[in-house]
N, C-alpha and C. Protein backbone atom coordinates (compact mmCIF):
# COMPACT_ATOMS: atom_id res chain seq x y z
N MET A 1 89.00 2.13 54.47
CA MET A 1 89.40 3.37 53.84
C MET A 1 88.93 3.36 52.39
N THR A 2 88.36 4.48 51.94
CA THR A 2 87.81 4.58 50.59
C THR A 2 88.90 4.93 49.59
N ASP A 3 88.91 4.21 48.49
CA ASP A 3 89.86 4.47 47.42
C ASP A 3 89.41 5.71 46.65
N PRO A 4 90.29 6.76 46.45
CA PRO A 4 89.89 7.97 45.74
C PRO A 4 89.44 7.68 44.30
N LYS A 5 89.93 6.58 43.73
CA LYS A 5 89.54 6.23 42.37
C LYS A 5 88.11 5.70 42.31
N ASP A 6 87.55 5.36 43.48
CA ASP A 6 86.21 4.79 43.54
C ASP A 6 85.14 5.83 43.90
N THR A 7 85.55 7.10 44.07
CA THR A 7 84.59 8.17 44.33
C THR A 7 84.62 9.15 43.15
N PRO A 8 83.47 9.78 42.84
CA PRO A 8 83.47 10.73 41.73
C PRO A 8 84.29 11.97 42.07
N LEU A 9 85.25 12.29 41.22
CA LEU A 9 86.09 13.48 41.37
C LEU A 9 86.14 14.21 40.03
N TRP A 10 86.52 15.47 40.08
CA TRP A 10 86.68 16.25 38.85
C TRP A 10 88.06 15.98 38.25
N TYR A 11 88.08 15.79 36.93
CA TYR A 11 89.34 15.57 36.22
C TYR A 11 89.37 16.50 35.00
N CYS A 12 90.57 16.84 34.59
CA CYS A 12 90.77 17.67 33.41
C CYS A 12 90.88 16.75 32.19
N VAL A 13 90.03 17.01 31.18
CA VAL A 13 89.96 16.17 29.99
C VAL A 13 90.48 16.97 28.79
N LYS A 14 91.47 16.40 28.07
CA LYS A 14 91.98 17.03 26.84
C LYS A 14 91.00 16.75 25.71
N THR A 15 90.70 17.78 24.91
CA THR A 15 89.78 17.61 23.79
C THR A 15 90.47 17.97 22.48
N GLN A 16 89.80 17.64 21.40
CA GLN A 16 90.31 18.06 20.09
C GLN A 16 90.19 19.58 20.01
N THR A 17 91.07 20.19 19.25
CA THR A 17 91.10 21.65 19.12
C THR A 17 89.77 22.18 18.61
N LYS A 18 89.27 23.21 19.29
CA LYS A 18 88.00 23.88 18.95
C LYS A 18 86.80 22.94 18.96
N ARG A 19 86.88 21.82 19.68
CA ARG A 19 85.80 20.84 19.74
C ARG A 19 85.39 20.55 21.19
N GLU A 20 85.66 21.49 22.07
CA GLU A 20 85.35 21.29 23.48
C GLU A 20 83.85 21.03 23.69
N HIS A 21 83.01 21.81 23.02
CA HIS A 21 81.57 21.66 23.19
C HIS A 21 81.06 20.33 22.64
N ILE A 22 81.70 19.81 21.60
CA ILE A 22 81.31 18.51 21.02
C ILE A 22 81.68 17.38 22.00
N ALA A 23 82.90 17.44 22.52
CA ALA A 23 83.33 16.43 23.50
C ALA A 23 82.43 16.48 24.74
N ALA A 24 82.08 17.69 25.19
CA ALA A 24 81.22 17.83 26.36
C ALA A 24 79.85 17.21 26.10
N GLY A 25 79.31 17.41 24.91
CA GLY A 25 78.02 16.82 24.56
C GLY A 25 78.04 15.31 24.60
N HIS A 26 79.10 14.70 24.08
CA HIS A 26 79.21 13.24 24.11
C HIS A 26 79.41 12.72 25.53
N LEU A 27 80.21 13.43 26.32
CA LEU A 27 80.43 12.98 27.70
C LEU A 27 79.16 13.09 28.54
N ARG A 28 78.31 14.07 28.25
CA ARG A 28 77.05 14.22 29.00
C ARG A 28 76.13 13.03 28.79
N GLU A 29 76.30 12.32 27.69
CA GLU A 29 75.47 11.15 27.39
C GLU A 29 75.89 9.92 28.21
N LEU A 30 77.09 9.96 28.78
CA LEU A 30 77.57 8.83 29.57
C LEU A 30 76.96 8.86 30.97
N GLU A 31 76.55 7.71 31.45
CA GLU A 31 75.98 7.61 32.78
C GLU A 31 77.09 7.76 33.82
N GLY A 32 76.82 8.55 34.84
CA GLY A 32 77.78 8.73 35.93
C GLY A 32 78.85 9.77 35.63
N VAL A 33 78.68 10.55 34.55
CA VAL A 33 79.67 11.57 34.20
C VAL A 33 78.99 12.94 34.19
N GLU A 34 79.53 13.87 34.98
CA GLU A 34 79.06 15.26 35.00
C GLU A 34 80.11 16.09 34.27
N VAL A 35 79.68 17.02 33.44
CA VAL A 35 80.61 17.78 32.61
C VAL A 35 80.46 19.27 32.87
N PHE A 36 81.59 19.96 32.89
CA PHE A 36 81.62 21.42 32.99
C PHE A 36 82.53 21.93 31.89
N CYS A 37 81.95 22.64 30.96
CA CYS A 37 82.68 23.18 29.80
C CYS A 37 82.54 24.70 29.80
N PRO A 38 83.33 25.40 30.63
CA PRO A 38 83.17 26.85 30.71
C PRO A 38 83.62 27.54 29.43
N ARG A 39 82.81 28.53 28.99
CA ARG A 39 83.12 29.26 27.75
C ARG A 39 83.01 30.76 27.99
N LEU A 40 83.71 31.53 27.17
CA LEU A 40 83.66 32.99 27.20
C LEU A 40 82.84 33.47 26.02
N ARG A 41 82.03 34.49 26.24
CA ARG A 41 81.26 35.11 25.17
C ARG A 41 81.59 36.60 25.20
N TYR A 42 82.03 37.13 24.06
CA TYR A 42 82.39 38.53 24.01
C TYR A 42 82.15 39.09 22.61
N ARG A 43 82.07 40.41 22.53
CA ARG A 43 81.87 41.07 21.24
C ARG A 43 83.23 41.32 20.63
N LYS A 44 83.29 41.11 19.32
CA LYS A 44 84.55 41.26 18.62
C LYS A 44 84.28 42.06 17.34
N ALA A 45 85.15 43.01 17.06
CA ALA A 45 85.02 43.80 15.84
C ALA A 45 85.61 43.02 14.67
N THR A 46 84.82 42.87 13.60
CA THR A 46 85.28 42.18 12.39
C THR A 46 84.94 43.05 11.19
N ARG A 47 85.31 42.59 10.01
CA ARG A 47 84.97 43.33 8.79
C ARG A 47 83.46 43.41 8.58
N ARG A 48 82.74 42.43 9.10
CA ARG A 48 81.28 42.42 8.97
C ARG A 48 80.62 43.26 10.05
N GLY A 49 81.39 43.84 10.93
CA GLY A 49 80.85 44.59 12.05
C GLY A 49 81.13 43.85 13.35
N LYS A 50 80.46 44.28 14.41
CA LYS A 50 80.66 43.63 15.71
C LYS A 50 79.81 42.38 15.79
N ILE A 51 80.43 41.28 16.19
CA ILE A 51 79.70 40.02 16.33
C ILE A 51 80.01 39.42 17.70
N TRP A 52 79.11 38.54 18.17
CA TRP A 52 79.36 37.83 19.41
C TRP A 52 80.23 36.62 19.10
N TRP A 53 81.24 36.41 19.90
CA TRP A 53 82.21 35.35 19.72
C TRP A 53 82.17 34.47 20.95
N VAL A 54 82.10 33.15 20.77
CA VAL A 54 82.09 32.23 21.91
C VAL A 54 83.26 31.27 21.74
N GLU A 55 84.06 31.15 22.78
CA GLU A 55 85.18 30.21 22.75
C GLU A 55 85.41 29.64 24.15
N ALA A 56 86.13 28.55 24.21
CA ALA A 56 86.38 27.86 25.48
C ALA A 56 87.22 28.73 26.41
N LEU A 57 86.88 28.70 27.67
CA LEU A 57 87.68 29.41 28.68
C LEU A 57 89.06 28.77 28.79
N PHE A 58 89.11 27.44 28.66
CA PHE A 58 90.37 26.71 28.67
C PHE A 58 90.47 25.98 27.32
N PRO A 59 91.02 26.62 26.28
CA PRO A 59 91.05 25.98 24.96
C PRO A 59 91.71 24.61 24.99
N GLY A 60 90.98 23.62 24.46
CA GLY A 60 91.49 22.26 24.40
C GLY A 60 91.24 21.42 25.64
N TYR A 61 90.50 21.97 26.63
CA TYR A 61 90.26 21.24 27.87
C TYR A 61 88.84 21.48 28.38
N ILE A 62 88.27 20.48 29.02
CA ILE A 62 87.02 20.60 29.76
C ILE A 62 87.20 19.87 31.08
N LEU A 63 86.23 20.02 31.96
CA LEU A 63 86.28 19.35 33.26
C LEU A 63 85.15 18.33 33.32
N ALA A 64 85.45 17.15 33.85
CA ALA A 64 84.44 16.10 33.98
C ALA A 64 84.57 15.45 35.35
N LYS A 65 83.42 15.16 35.96
CA LYS A 65 83.40 14.51 37.28
C LYS A 65 82.88 13.10 37.10
N PHE A 66 83.71 12.14 37.50
CA PHE A 66 83.33 10.74 37.35
C PHE A 66 84.21 9.87 38.24
N LYS A 67 83.81 8.60 38.39
CA LYS A 67 84.63 7.64 39.12
C LYS A 67 85.69 7.14 38.15
N LEU A 68 86.93 7.36 38.48
CA LEU A 68 88.03 7.00 37.58
C LEU A 68 88.05 5.51 37.27
N ILE A 69 87.84 4.67 38.28
CA ILE A 69 87.88 3.21 38.07
C ILE A 69 86.79 2.76 37.09
N GLU A 70 85.58 3.35 37.21
CA GLU A 70 84.45 2.90 36.38
C GLU A 70 84.41 3.53 35.00
N ASN A 71 84.77 4.82 34.88
CA ASN A 71 84.50 5.56 33.65
C ASN A 71 85.72 6.03 32.87
N GLU A 72 86.93 5.72 33.34
CA GLU A 72 88.12 6.23 32.64
C GLU A 72 88.14 5.84 31.17
N ARG A 73 87.89 4.60 30.87
CA ARG A 73 87.94 4.11 29.49
C ARG A 73 86.86 4.76 28.62
N ALA A 74 85.62 4.83 29.14
CA ALA A 74 84.52 5.43 28.38
C ALA A 74 84.78 6.91 28.10
N VAL A 75 85.32 7.62 29.10
CA VAL A 75 85.63 9.05 28.91
C VAL A 75 86.77 9.22 27.91
N THR A 76 87.83 8.46 28.08
CA THR A 76 89.01 8.58 27.22
C THR A 76 88.69 8.32 25.75
N TYR A 77 87.82 7.37 25.48
CA TYR A 77 87.52 7.00 24.09
C TYR A 77 86.21 7.61 23.57
N SER A 78 85.72 8.62 24.25
CA SER A 78 84.52 9.32 23.80
C SER A 78 84.86 10.22 22.61
N PRO A 79 83.96 10.41 21.64
CA PRO A 79 84.24 11.27 20.49
C PRO A 79 84.60 12.70 20.93
N GLY A 80 85.63 13.26 20.32
CA GLY A 80 86.09 14.61 20.63
C GLY A 80 87.12 14.68 21.74
N VAL A 81 87.34 13.56 22.45
CA VAL A 81 88.28 13.53 23.58
C VAL A 81 89.62 12.98 23.11
N ARG A 82 90.71 13.64 23.55
CA ARG A 82 92.06 13.17 23.23
C ARG A 82 92.68 12.41 24.38
N GLY A 83 92.10 12.51 25.56
CA GLY A 83 92.62 11.79 26.72
C GLY A 83 92.45 12.60 27.99
N LEU A 84 92.94 12.06 29.08
CA LEU A 84 92.92 12.74 30.37
C LEU A 84 94.28 13.39 30.60
N VAL A 85 94.28 14.48 31.34
CA VAL A 85 95.55 15.13 31.70
C VAL A 85 96.23 14.23 32.72
N ARG A 86 97.46 13.87 32.42
CA ARG A 86 98.23 12.96 33.28
C ARG A 86 99.60 13.54 33.59
N PHE A 87 100.12 13.15 34.72
CA PHE A 87 101.50 13.42 35.08
C PHE A 87 102.14 12.06 35.30
N GLY A 88 102.80 11.56 34.25
CA GLY A 88 103.31 10.19 34.27
C GLY A 88 102.13 9.25 34.17
N THR A 89 101.96 8.40 35.17
CA THR A 89 100.82 7.49 35.18
C THR A 89 99.69 8.02 36.06
N GLU A 90 99.94 9.10 36.74
CA GLU A 90 98.97 9.68 37.68
C GLU A 90 97.99 10.60 36.96
N VAL A 91 96.68 10.44 37.24
CA VAL A 91 95.63 11.34 36.74
C VAL A 91 95.18 12.18 37.93
N PRO A 92 95.70 13.42 38.04
CA PRO A 92 95.38 14.23 39.23
C PRO A 92 93.96 14.79 39.17
N PRO A 93 93.24 14.77 40.30
CA PRO A 93 91.91 15.38 40.30
C PRO A 93 92.01 16.90 40.38
N VAL A 94 90.95 17.57 39.93
CA VAL A 94 90.83 19.02 40.02
C VAL A 94 90.03 19.31 41.28
N SER A 95 90.40 20.33 42.00
CA SER A 95 89.74 20.68 43.26
C SER A 95 88.25 20.99 43.05
N GLU A 96 87.42 20.38 43.86
CA GLU A 96 85.97 20.64 43.83
C GLU A 96 85.71 22.12 44.09
N ASN A 97 86.51 22.71 44.97
CA ASN A 97 86.38 24.13 45.31
C ASN A 97 86.61 25.01 44.08
N PHE A 98 87.63 24.69 43.27
CA PHE A 98 87.92 25.45 42.06
C PHE A 98 86.73 25.44 41.11
N VAL A 99 86.14 24.27 40.90
CA VAL A 99 85.00 24.14 39.98
C VAL A 99 83.80 24.93 40.51
N GLU A 100 83.55 24.85 41.81
CA GLU A 100 82.41 25.57 42.39
C GLU A 100 82.60 27.08 42.30
N ILE A 101 83.80 27.58 42.56
CA ILE A 101 84.06 29.01 42.46
C ILE A 101 83.85 29.48 41.02
N LEU A 102 84.34 28.72 40.05
CA LEU A 102 84.18 29.06 38.64
C LEU A 102 82.70 29.05 38.25
N ARG A 103 81.97 28.05 38.68
CA ARG A 103 80.52 27.98 38.39
C ARG A 103 79.77 29.16 39.00
N GLU A 104 80.10 29.50 40.25
CA GLU A 104 79.45 30.63 40.92
C GLU A 104 79.73 31.93 40.18
N GLU A 105 80.95 32.10 39.71
CA GLU A 105 81.31 33.31 38.96
C GLU A 105 80.50 33.41 37.68
N ILE A 106 80.34 32.31 36.99
CA ILE A 106 79.56 32.31 35.74
C ILE A 106 78.09 32.59 36.04
N ILE A 107 77.53 31.96 37.07
CA ILE A 107 76.13 32.19 37.43
C ILE A 107 75.92 33.64 37.84
N ARG A 108 76.87 34.21 38.59
CA ARG A 108 76.76 35.60 39.05
C ARG A 108 76.78 36.58 37.89
N ASN A 109 77.50 36.24 36.82
CA ASN A 109 77.65 37.15 35.68
C ASN A 109 76.75 36.82 34.50
N LEU A 110 75.78 35.90 34.69
CA LEU A 110 74.87 35.58 33.59
C LEU A 110 74.06 36.82 33.21
N GLY A 111 74.03 37.11 31.93
CA GLY A 111 73.21 38.21 31.45
C GLY A 111 71.82 37.71 31.12
N GLU A 112 71.08 38.51 30.38
CA GLU A 112 69.74 38.10 30.00
C GLU A 112 69.76 36.93 29.02
N GLU A 113 70.91 36.69 28.39
CA GLU A 113 71.02 35.58 27.45
C GLU A 113 70.90 34.25 28.18
N GLY A 114 71.49 34.15 29.39
CA GLY A 114 71.39 32.95 30.20
C GLY A 114 72.01 31.72 29.57
N LEU A 115 73.11 31.86 28.86
CA LEU A 115 73.76 30.72 28.22
C LEU A 115 74.46 29.87 29.27
N GLU A 116 74.16 28.58 29.31
CA GLU A 116 74.73 27.67 30.29
C GLU A 116 76.24 27.59 30.15
N ASP A 117 76.95 27.62 31.26
CA ASP A 117 78.41 27.50 31.32
C ASP A 117 79.13 28.59 30.53
N THR A 118 78.47 29.73 30.26
CA THR A 118 79.09 30.77 29.44
C THR A 118 79.19 32.06 30.23
N LEU A 119 80.38 32.63 30.27
CA LEU A 119 80.65 33.89 30.95
C LEU A 119 80.74 34.98 29.89
N THR A 120 79.83 35.96 29.94
CA THR A 120 79.84 37.05 28.98
C THR A 120 80.73 38.16 29.53
N VAL A 121 81.70 38.57 28.74
CA VAL A 121 82.64 39.61 29.16
C VAL A 121 82.67 40.73 28.12
N GLY A 122 83.10 41.89 28.54
CA GLY A 122 83.23 43.02 27.64
C GLY A 122 84.44 43.85 28.02
N PRO A 123 84.82 44.77 27.16
CA PRO A 123 85.98 45.61 27.48
C PRO A 123 85.68 46.47 28.71
N GLN A 124 86.65 46.59 29.57
CA GLN A 124 86.50 47.37 30.78
C GLN A 124 87.38 48.61 30.67
N VAL A 125 86.73 49.77 30.62
CA VAL A 125 87.45 51.03 30.55
C VAL A 125 86.95 51.95 31.65
N GLU A 126 87.79 52.89 32.03
CA GLU A 126 87.43 53.86 33.05
C GLU A 126 87.82 55.25 32.57
N SER A 127 87.09 56.24 33.03
CA SER A 127 87.44 57.63 32.71
C SER A 127 88.85 57.92 33.21
N GLY A 128 89.61 58.64 32.40
CA GLY A 128 90.97 59.00 32.76
C GLY A 128 92.03 58.06 32.23
N GLU A 129 91.63 56.90 31.68
CA GLU A 129 92.60 55.94 31.16
C GLU A 129 93.22 56.44 29.86
N GLU A 130 94.52 56.18 29.72
CA GLU A 130 95.23 56.49 28.47
C GLU A 130 94.97 55.36 27.48
N VAL A 131 94.54 55.71 26.25
CA VAL A 131 94.25 54.73 25.22
C VAL A 131 94.84 55.19 23.89
N GLU A 132 94.90 54.25 22.96
CA GLU A 132 95.32 54.56 21.60
C GLU A 132 94.22 54.12 20.66
N ILE A 133 93.92 54.96 19.67
CA ILE A 133 92.91 54.60 18.69
C ILE A 133 93.59 53.70 17.66
N ALA A 134 92.99 52.51 17.45
CA ALA A 134 93.63 51.49 16.61
C ALA A 134 93.25 51.59 15.15
N SER A 135 92.03 52.07 14.86
CA SER A 135 91.59 52.06 13.47
C SER A 135 90.81 53.33 13.14
N GLY A 136 90.57 53.52 11.86
CA GLY A 136 89.83 54.68 11.40
C GLY A 136 90.76 55.83 11.08
N PRO A 137 90.19 56.99 10.74
CA PRO A 137 91.01 58.14 10.34
C PRO A 137 91.90 58.67 11.46
N LEU A 138 91.55 58.38 12.71
CA LEU A 138 92.37 58.84 13.84
C LEU A 138 93.28 57.75 14.38
N GLY A 139 93.43 56.67 13.63
CA GLY A 139 94.28 55.55 14.04
C GLY A 139 95.68 56.01 14.39
N GLY A 140 96.18 55.55 15.53
CA GLY A 140 97.52 55.91 15.98
C GLY A 140 97.54 57.05 16.99
N PHE A 141 96.47 57.83 17.07
CA PHE A 141 96.41 58.92 18.04
C PHE A 141 96.23 58.36 19.44
N GLN A 142 96.86 59.03 20.41
CA GLN A 142 96.72 58.64 21.80
C GLN A 142 95.96 59.73 22.53
N GLY A 143 95.14 59.31 23.50
CA GLY A 143 94.35 60.26 24.25
C GLY A 143 93.91 59.69 25.57
N LYS A 144 93.05 60.45 26.23
CA LYS A 144 92.55 60.07 27.55
C LYS A 144 91.03 59.97 27.47
N ILE A 145 90.47 58.91 28.06
CA ILE A 145 89.01 58.74 28.06
C ILE A 145 88.39 59.79 28.97
N VAL A 146 87.41 60.53 28.41
CA VAL A 146 86.72 61.57 29.16
C VAL A 146 85.42 61.03 29.74
N SER A 147 84.64 60.30 28.91
CA SER A 147 83.40 59.71 29.40
C SER A 147 83.07 58.45 28.61
N ILE A 148 82.24 57.61 29.22
CA ILE A 148 81.86 56.33 28.62
C ILE A 148 80.37 56.39 28.31
N LEU A 149 80.01 56.00 27.09
CA LEU A 149 78.62 55.97 26.65
C LEU A 149 78.23 54.50 26.46
N PRO A 150 77.88 53.78 27.54
CA PRO A 150 77.71 52.33 27.47
C PRO A 150 76.58 51.87 26.56
N GLY A 151 75.50 52.63 26.45
CA GLY A 151 74.38 52.22 25.60
C GLY A 151 74.77 52.12 24.14
N LYS A 152 75.70 52.94 23.71
CA LYS A 152 76.11 52.96 22.31
C LYS A 152 77.43 52.24 22.08
N GLU A 153 78.06 51.73 23.15
CA GLU A 153 79.38 51.12 23.08
C GLU A 153 80.38 52.09 22.46
N ARG A 154 80.30 53.32 22.93
CA ARG A 154 81.20 54.37 22.46
C ARG A 154 81.79 55.09 23.66
N VAL A 155 82.90 55.79 23.43
CA VAL A 155 83.54 56.58 24.47
C VAL A 155 83.93 57.93 23.89
N LYS A 156 84.07 58.91 24.77
CA LYS A 156 84.58 60.22 24.37
C LYS A 156 86.04 60.26 24.81
N VAL A 157 86.91 60.59 23.85
CA VAL A 157 88.34 60.61 24.10
C VAL A 157 88.87 62.01 23.86
N LEU A 158 89.73 62.50 24.76
CA LEU A 158 90.37 63.79 24.62
C LEU A 158 91.69 63.58 23.88
N LEU A 159 91.79 64.17 22.68
CA LEU A 159 92.99 64.04 21.84
C LEU A 159 93.63 65.39 21.65
N ASP A 160 94.92 65.39 21.43
CA ASP A 160 95.62 66.60 21.02
C ASP A 160 95.66 66.57 19.50
N PHE A 161 94.78 67.36 18.86
CA PHE A 161 94.62 67.31 17.41
C PHE A 161 94.78 68.71 16.84
N LEU A 162 95.68 68.87 15.89
CA LEU A 162 95.97 70.17 15.27
C LEU A 162 96.36 71.21 16.31
N GLY A 163 97.13 70.78 17.30
CA GLY A 163 97.66 71.69 18.31
C GLY A 163 96.67 72.09 19.39
N GLN A 164 95.46 71.54 19.37
CA GLN A 164 94.46 71.88 20.38
C GLN A 164 93.84 70.60 20.95
N PRO A 165 93.44 70.64 22.20
CA PRO A 165 92.73 69.48 22.75
C PRO A 165 91.32 69.40 22.15
N GLN A 166 90.94 68.23 21.66
CA GLN A 166 89.62 68.00 21.06
C GLN A 166 88.99 66.77 21.69
N ILE A 167 87.68 66.84 21.95
CA ILE A 167 86.96 65.67 22.44
C ILE A 167 86.30 65.01 21.24
N VAL A 168 86.60 63.70 21.07
CA VAL A 168 86.10 62.95 19.93
C VAL A 168 85.36 61.72 20.44
N GLU A 169 84.21 61.42 19.82
CA GLU A 169 83.45 60.22 20.18
C GLU A 169 83.88 59.10 19.24
N VAL A 170 84.34 57.98 19.82
CA VAL A 170 84.80 56.85 19.01
C VAL A 170 84.19 55.54 19.51
N ASP A 171 84.21 54.56 18.64
CA ASP A 171 83.71 53.23 18.97
C ASP A 171 84.65 52.58 19.99
N LEU A 172 84.07 51.98 21.01
CA LEU A 172 84.85 51.31 22.06
C LEU A 172 85.76 50.23 21.48
N PHE A 173 85.30 49.57 20.40
CA PHE A 173 86.06 48.47 19.83
C PHE A 173 87.17 48.95 18.89
N SER A 174 87.31 50.25 18.72
CA SER A 174 88.39 50.76 17.88
C SER A 174 89.58 51.20 18.73
N LEU A 175 89.53 50.93 20.02
CA LEU A 175 90.60 51.34 20.93
C LEU A 175 91.53 50.20 21.28
N LEU A 176 92.79 50.54 21.46
CA LEU A 176 93.76 49.60 22.04
C LEU A 176 93.77 49.93 23.53
N LEU A 177 93.28 49.00 24.32
CA LEU A 177 93.18 49.24 25.76
C LEU A 177 94.44 48.78 26.47
N PRO A 178 94.85 49.50 27.50
CA PRO A 178 96.04 49.08 28.25
C PRO A 178 95.74 47.79 29.01
N ARG A 179 96.75 46.95 29.18
CA ARG A 179 96.58 45.72 29.95
C ARG A 179 96.52 46.09 31.42
N LYS A 180 95.59 45.42 32.11
CA LYS A 180 95.43 45.66 33.55
C LYS A 180 95.85 44.41 34.30
N PRO A 181 96.48 44.59 35.46
CA PRO A 181 96.85 43.41 36.26
C PRO A 181 95.59 42.73 36.78
N LEU A 182 95.65 41.41 36.92
CA LEU A 182 94.53 40.65 37.46
C LEU A 182 94.39 40.94 38.94
N PRO A 183 93.11 40.98 39.43
CA PRO A 183 92.91 41.25 40.87
C PRO A 183 93.36 40.11 41.73
């Protein structure tokens, strides 16, 4: 019978805060260790304008596949790593199926940027949704999305302004979007 500690399995690795990519880089240098560091890439409105923001999908954690008996010490003491996720003395493996589904989702959603292990996401809005304008001269007004202008990252919103319905074109990133349940 084969010992599970003697076969390569996926494990959850704790990393230093905001240093997931650094820990992943060091772990990739170790022989017999495969690393998966999924990240999110999205546009964020800032004072400097809209910028692309990249952060870990699981802040403070990455996934690594290795033989626990052979590589536990090297992984644990690698730069940027704080340790392995444990329950008491047990280091539980992560399902191979979970990692494959996550990888497939990232590959399926790769844009023209093609950033490895990075899922690019954007705000999802639909015509007819109720929204609130968060910033600008119309901040605080509530309305309904009439149409979406994806090329310009703008939407047309129907507002009740000065006692009459008005259609206003606003920046997509100036809206407070309603939370949607996960599928």
